[in-house]
N, C-alpha and C. Protein backbone atom coordinates (compact mmCIF):
# COMPACT_ATOMS: atom_id res chain seq x y z
N MET A 1 -16.05 0.37 -9.41
CA MET A 1 -17.34 -0.25 -9.63
C MET A 1 -18.40 0.83 -9.44
N PRO A 2 -19.35 0.92 -10.34
CA PRO A 2 -20.43 1.91 -10.18
C PRO A 2 -21.24 1.64 -8.90
N LEU A 3 -21.76 2.70 -8.31
CA LEU A 3 -22.50 2.59 -7.05
C LEU A 3 -23.64 1.59 -7.14
N GLU A 4 -24.41 1.63 -8.21
CA GLU A 4 -25.55 0.71 -8.34
C GLU A 4 -25.10 -0.75 -8.31
N ASP A 5 -23.99 -1.06 -8.97
CA ASP A 5 -23.45 -2.42 -8.97
C ASP A 5 -22.95 -2.81 -7.58
N ALA A 6 -22.28 -1.86 -6.92
CA ALA A 6 -21.79 -2.12 -5.56
C ALA A 6 -22.94 -2.42 -4.61
N LEU A 7 -24.03 -1.69 -4.76
CA LEU A 7 -25.20 -1.92 -3.90
C LEU A 7 -25.80 -3.30 -4.15
N GLN A 8 -25.79 -3.76 -5.38
CA GLN A 8 -26.29 -5.10 -5.67
C GLN A 8 -25.46 -6.16 -4.94
N VAL A 9 -24.15 -5.98 -4.96
CA VAL A 9 -23.28 -6.91 -4.24
C VAL A 9 -23.57 -6.84 -2.75
N GLU A 10 -23.69 -5.63 -2.21
CA GLU A 10 -23.94 -5.46 -0.77
C GLU A 10 -25.29 -6.02 -0.36
N GLU A 11 -26.28 -5.94 -1.23
CA GLU A 11 -27.59 -6.52 -0.91
C GLU A 11 -27.54 -8.04 -0.92
N PHE A 12 -26.68 -8.61 -1.75
CA PHE A 12 -26.55 -10.05 -1.84
C PHE A 12 -25.83 -10.64 -0.63
N LEU A 13 -24.78 -10.00 -0.16
CA LEU A 13 -23.90 -10.58 0.85
C LEU A 13 -24.58 -11.02 2.14
N PRO A 14 -25.47 -10.22 2.75
CA PRO A 14 -26.06 -10.69 4.02
C PRO A 14 -26.89 -11.97 3.89
N TYR A 15 -27.33 -12.27 2.67
CA TYR A 15 -28.17 -13.45 2.45
C TYR A 15 -27.38 -14.64 1.89
N ALA A 16 -26.11 -14.45 1.60
CA ALA A 16 -25.30 -15.54 1.05
C ALA A 16 -25.19 -16.65 2.09
N PRO A 17 -25.40 -17.89 1.68
CA PRO A 17 -25.39 -19.00 2.64
C PRO A 17 -24.05 -19.22 3.33
N ASN A 18 -22.97 -18.80 2.73
CA ASN A 18 -21.65 -19.01 3.33
C ASN A 18 -21.13 -17.76 4.03
N MET A 19 -21.98 -16.77 4.23
CA MET A 19 -21.59 -15.51 4.86
C MET A 19 -21.86 -15.58 6.36
N LYS A 20 -20.87 -15.24 7.15
CA LYS A 20 -21.05 -15.13 8.60
C LYS A 20 -20.83 -13.68 8.98
N ILE A 21 -21.72 -13.12 9.76
CA ILE A 21 -21.63 -11.72 10.17
C ILE A 21 -21.26 -11.67 11.65
N TYR A 22 -20.20 -10.93 11.95
CA TYR A 22 -19.68 -10.82 13.31
C TYR A 22 -20.09 -9.48 13.91
N GLY A 23 -20.30 -9.47 15.22
CA GLY A 23 -20.57 -8.23 15.93
C GLY A 23 -19.29 -7.42 16.14
N VAL A 24 -19.46 -6.14 16.39
CA VAL A 24 -18.34 -5.24 16.62
C VAL A 24 -18.51 -4.60 18.00
N THR A 25 -17.44 -4.65 18.78
CA THR A 25 -17.48 -4.09 20.13
C THR A 25 -16.76 -2.74 20.17
N ARG A 26 -16.93 -2.05 21.26
CA ARG A 26 -16.20 -0.79 21.48
C ARG A 26 -14.69 -1.06 21.46
N LYS A 27 -14.29 -2.19 22.07
CA LYS A 27 -12.88 -2.57 22.09
C LYS A 27 -12.35 -2.75 20.66
N ASN A 28 -13.15 -3.39 19.79
CA ASN A 28 -12.76 -3.54 18.39
C ASN A 28 -12.53 -2.18 17.74
N CYS A 29 -13.43 -1.25 18.02
CA CYS A 29 -13.34 0.09 17.40
C CYS A 29 -12.10 0.84 17.88
N ILE A 30 -11.78 0.72 19.15
CA ILE A 30 -10.59 1.39 19.69
C ILE A 30 -9.33 0.81 19.05
N LYS A 31 -9.26 -0.52 18.95
CA LYS A 31 -8.12 -1.15 18.28
C LYS A 31 -8.06 -0.74 16.81
N ALA A 32 -9.22 -0.64 16.19
CA ALA A 32 -9.29 -0.29 14.77
C ALA A 32 -8.81 1.13 14.51
N LEU A 33 -9.08 2.04 15.43
CA LEU A 33 -8.59 3.42 15.26
C LEU A 33 -7.07 3.43 15.17
N GLN A 34 -6.42 2.68 16.04
CA GLN A 34 -4.96 2.62 16.00
C GLN A 34 -4.48 1.93 14.72
N ALA A 35 -5.15 0.84 14.35
CA ALA A 35 -4.77 0.14 13.12
C ALA A 35 -4.94 1.04 11.91
N ALA A 36 -6.01 1.83 11.89
CA ALA A 36 -6.26 2.75 10.77
C ALA A 36 -5.13 3.76 10.66
N LYS A 37 -4.67 4.26 11.79
CA LYS A 37 -3.57 5.23 11.78
C LYS A 37 -2.27 4.58 11.31
N ASN A 38 -2.00 3.38 11.78
CA ASN A 38 -0.74 2.69 11.44
C ASN A 38 -0.72 2.13 10.02
N LYS A 39 -1.84 1.68 9.55
CA LYS A 39 -1.89 1.00 8.26
C LYS A 39 -2.40 1.89 7.14
N ILE A 40 -2.82 3.09 7.50
CA ILE A 40 -3.33 4.07 6.54
C ILE A 40 -4.48 3.49 5.72
N VAL A 41 -5.47 2.97 6.42
CA VAL A 41 -6.72 2.51 5.82
C VAL A 41 -7.85 3.23 6.54
N GLY A 42 -9.03 3.18 5.96
CA GLY A 42 -10.19 3.79 6.59
C GLY A 42 -10.64 3.01 7.81
N LEU A 43 -11.45 3.66 8.63
CA LEU A 43 -11.91 3.03 9.87
C LEU A 43 -12.73 1.76 9.60
N ASN A 44 -13.62 1.78 8.61
CA ASN A 44 -14.41 0.58 8.32
C ASN A 44 -13.52 -0.60 7.98
N ASP A 45 -12.51 -0.37 7.14
CA ASP A 45 -11.60 -1.45 6.78
C ASP A 45 -10.80 -1.91 7.99
N ALA A 46 -10.41 -0.98 8.84
CA ALA A 46 -9.65 -1.34 10.04
C ALA A 46 -10.50 -2.16 11.00
N ILE A 47 -11.78 -1.82 11.14
CA ILE A 47 -12.67 -2.60 12.00
C ILE A 47 -12.78 -4.03 11.46
N ALA A 48 -12.99 -4.15 10.17
CA ALA A 48 -13.07 -5.49 9.56
C ALA A 48 -11.78 -6.26 9.80
N TYR A 49 -10.66 -5.58 9.65
CA TYR A 49 -9.35 -6.20 9.84
C TYR A 49 -9.20 -6.72 11.27
N ILE A 50 -9.53 -5.91 12.26
CA ILE A 50 -9.42 -6.31 13.67
C ILE A 50 -10.34 -7.49 13.97
N VAL A 51 -11.57 -7.43 13.53
CA VAL A 51 -12.53 -8.51 13.78
C VAL A 51 -12.06 -9.79 13.09
N MET A 52 -11.51 -9.66 11.88
CA MET A 52 -10.99 -10.84 11.19
C MET A 52 -9.85 -11.48 11.98
N LEU A 53 -8.90 -10.67 12.42
CA LEU A 53 -7.77 -11.21 13.17
C LEU A 53 -8.23 -11.90 14.45
N GLU A 54 -9.17 -11.29 15.16
CA GLU A 54 -9.66 -11.88 16.41
C GLU A 54 -10.41 -13.19 16.19
N ASN A 55 -10.96 -13.37 14.99
CA ASN A 55 -11.72 -14.58 14.68
C ASN A 55 -10.95 -15.54 13.78
N LYS A 56 -9.64 -15.27 13.65
CA LYS A 56 -8.73 -16.13 12.88
C LYS A 56 -9.18 -16.32 11.43
N ILE A 57 -9.70 -15.26 10.84
CA ILE A 57 -10.07 -15.25 9.43
C ILE A 57 -8.85 -14.76 8.67
N GLU A 58 -8.42 -15.52 7.68
CA GLU A 58 -7.15 -15.23 7.02
C GLU A 58 -7.28 -14.81 5.57
N GLU A 59 -8.49 -14.80 5.01
CA GLU A 59 -8.67 -14.41 3.61
C GLU A 59 -9.80 -13.41 3.50
N ILE A 60 -9.68 -12.50 2.53
CA ILE A 60 -10.70 -11.47 2.35
C ILE A 60 -10.76 -11.07 0.88
N TYR A 61 -11.94 -10.67 0.45
CA TYR A 61 -12.10 -10.03 -0.85
C TYR A 61 -11.88 -8.55 -0.60
N SER A 62 -10.81 -8.01 -1.10
CA SER A 62 -10.48 -6.62 -0.76
C SER A 62 -9.49 -6.04 -1.76
N PHE A 63 -9.50 -4.72 -1.83
CA PHE A 63 -8.49 -4.01 -2.61
C PHE A 63 -7.29 -3.68 -1.72
N ASP A 64 -7.50 -3.67 -0.41
CA ASP A 64 -6.45 -3.28 0.53
C ASP A 64 -5.51 -4.45 0.81
N LYS A 65 -4.26 -4.13 1.02
CA LYS A 65 -3.28 -5.12 1.45
C LYS A 65 -3.11 -4.95 2.95
N LEU A 66 -3.48 -5.98 3.71
CA LEU A 66 -3.41 -5.94 5.16
C LEU A 66 -2.52 -7.08 5.65
N GLU A 67 -1.62 -6.77 6.55
CA GLU A 67 -0.68 -7.74 7.08
C GLU A 67 -1.41 -8.91 7.73
N GLY A 68 -1.05 -10.12 7.34
CA GLY A 68 -1.65 -11.31 7.92
C GLY A 68 -2.93 -11.76 7.26
N ILE A 69 -3.37 -11.04 6.22
CA ILE A 69 -4.62 -11.37 5.53
C ILE A 69 -4.33 -11.60 4.05
N LYS A 70 -4.78 -12.73 3.53
CA LYS A 70 -4.60 -13.05 2.11
C LYS A 70 -5.79 -12.50 1.32
N ARG A 71 -5.51 -11.80 0.23
CA ARG A 71 -6.58 -11.26 -0.60
C ARG A 71 -7.05 -12.29 -1.61
N LYS A 72 -8.35 -12.36 -1.78
CA LYS A 72 -8.96 -13.23 -2.79
C LYS A 72 -9.23 -12.38 -4.03
N PRO A 73 -9.71 -13.00 -5.12
CA PRO A 73 -10.02 -12.22 -6.33
C PRO A 73 -11.04 -11.12 -6.04
N ARG A 74 -11.05 -10.14 -6.89
CA ARG A 74 -11.97 -9.01 -6.70
C ARG A 74 -13.42 -9.48 -6.77
N LEU A 75 -14.27 -8.92 -5.90
CA LEU A 75 -15.68 -9.30 -5.85
C LEU A 75 -16.39 -9.10 -7.17
N GLU A 76 -16.16 -7.98 -7.83
CA GLU A 76 -16.90 -7.74 -9.07
C GLU A 76 -16.54 -8.77 -10.13
N ASP A 77 -15.32 -9.32 -10.09
CA ASP A 77 -14.95 -10.37 -11.03
C ASP A 77 -15.77 -11.63 -10.76
N LEU A 78 -16.02 -11.93 -9.49
CA LEU A 78 -16.76 -13.13 -9.13
C LEU A 78 -18.25 -13.00 -9.40
N PHE A 79 -18.80 -11.81 -9.19
CA PHE A 79 -20.24 -11.63 -9.31
C PHE A 79 -20.67 -11.07 -10.65
N GLN A 80 -19.73 -10.72 -11.50
CA GLN A 80 -20.04 -10.06 -12.77
C GLN A 80 -21.06 -10.85 -13.57
N THR A 81 -20.89 -12.12 -13.72
CA THR A 81 -21.79 -12.90 -14.56
C THR A 81 -23.11 -13.19 -13.86
N SER A 82 -23.10 -13.47 -12.57
CA SER A 82 -24.34 -13.87 -11.91
C SER A 82 -25.24 -12.69 -11.57
N LEU A 83 -24.69 -11.54 -11.17
CA LEU A 83 -25.53 -10.43 -10.77
C LEU A 83 -25.73 -9.39 -11.85
N PHE A 84 -24.72 -9.18 -12.66
CA PHE A 84 -24.79 -8.06 -13.58
C PHE A 84 -24.88 -8.49 -15.03
N GLY A 85 -24.85 -9.78 -15.29
CA GLY A 85 -24.83 -10.29 -16.66
C GLY A 85 -26.14 -10.22 -17.28
């Protein structure tokens, strides 16, 4: 996805009515470092993964395959018509 399109999606997400934003603790980051090493994903994705597991979130829009998390359709497929059409 081009950077400009990705930024449009990122600007939309914090204001989406069904979006919940969780805080991140030092403990989350320490767990995420280990998860990043074991799962071979970046630290940001690992932090999201740890926070999701701790909050019993089981689905994500993602390109990554993470154990215990179900992937939903790609974000750009969902937003293509409404944001970029």
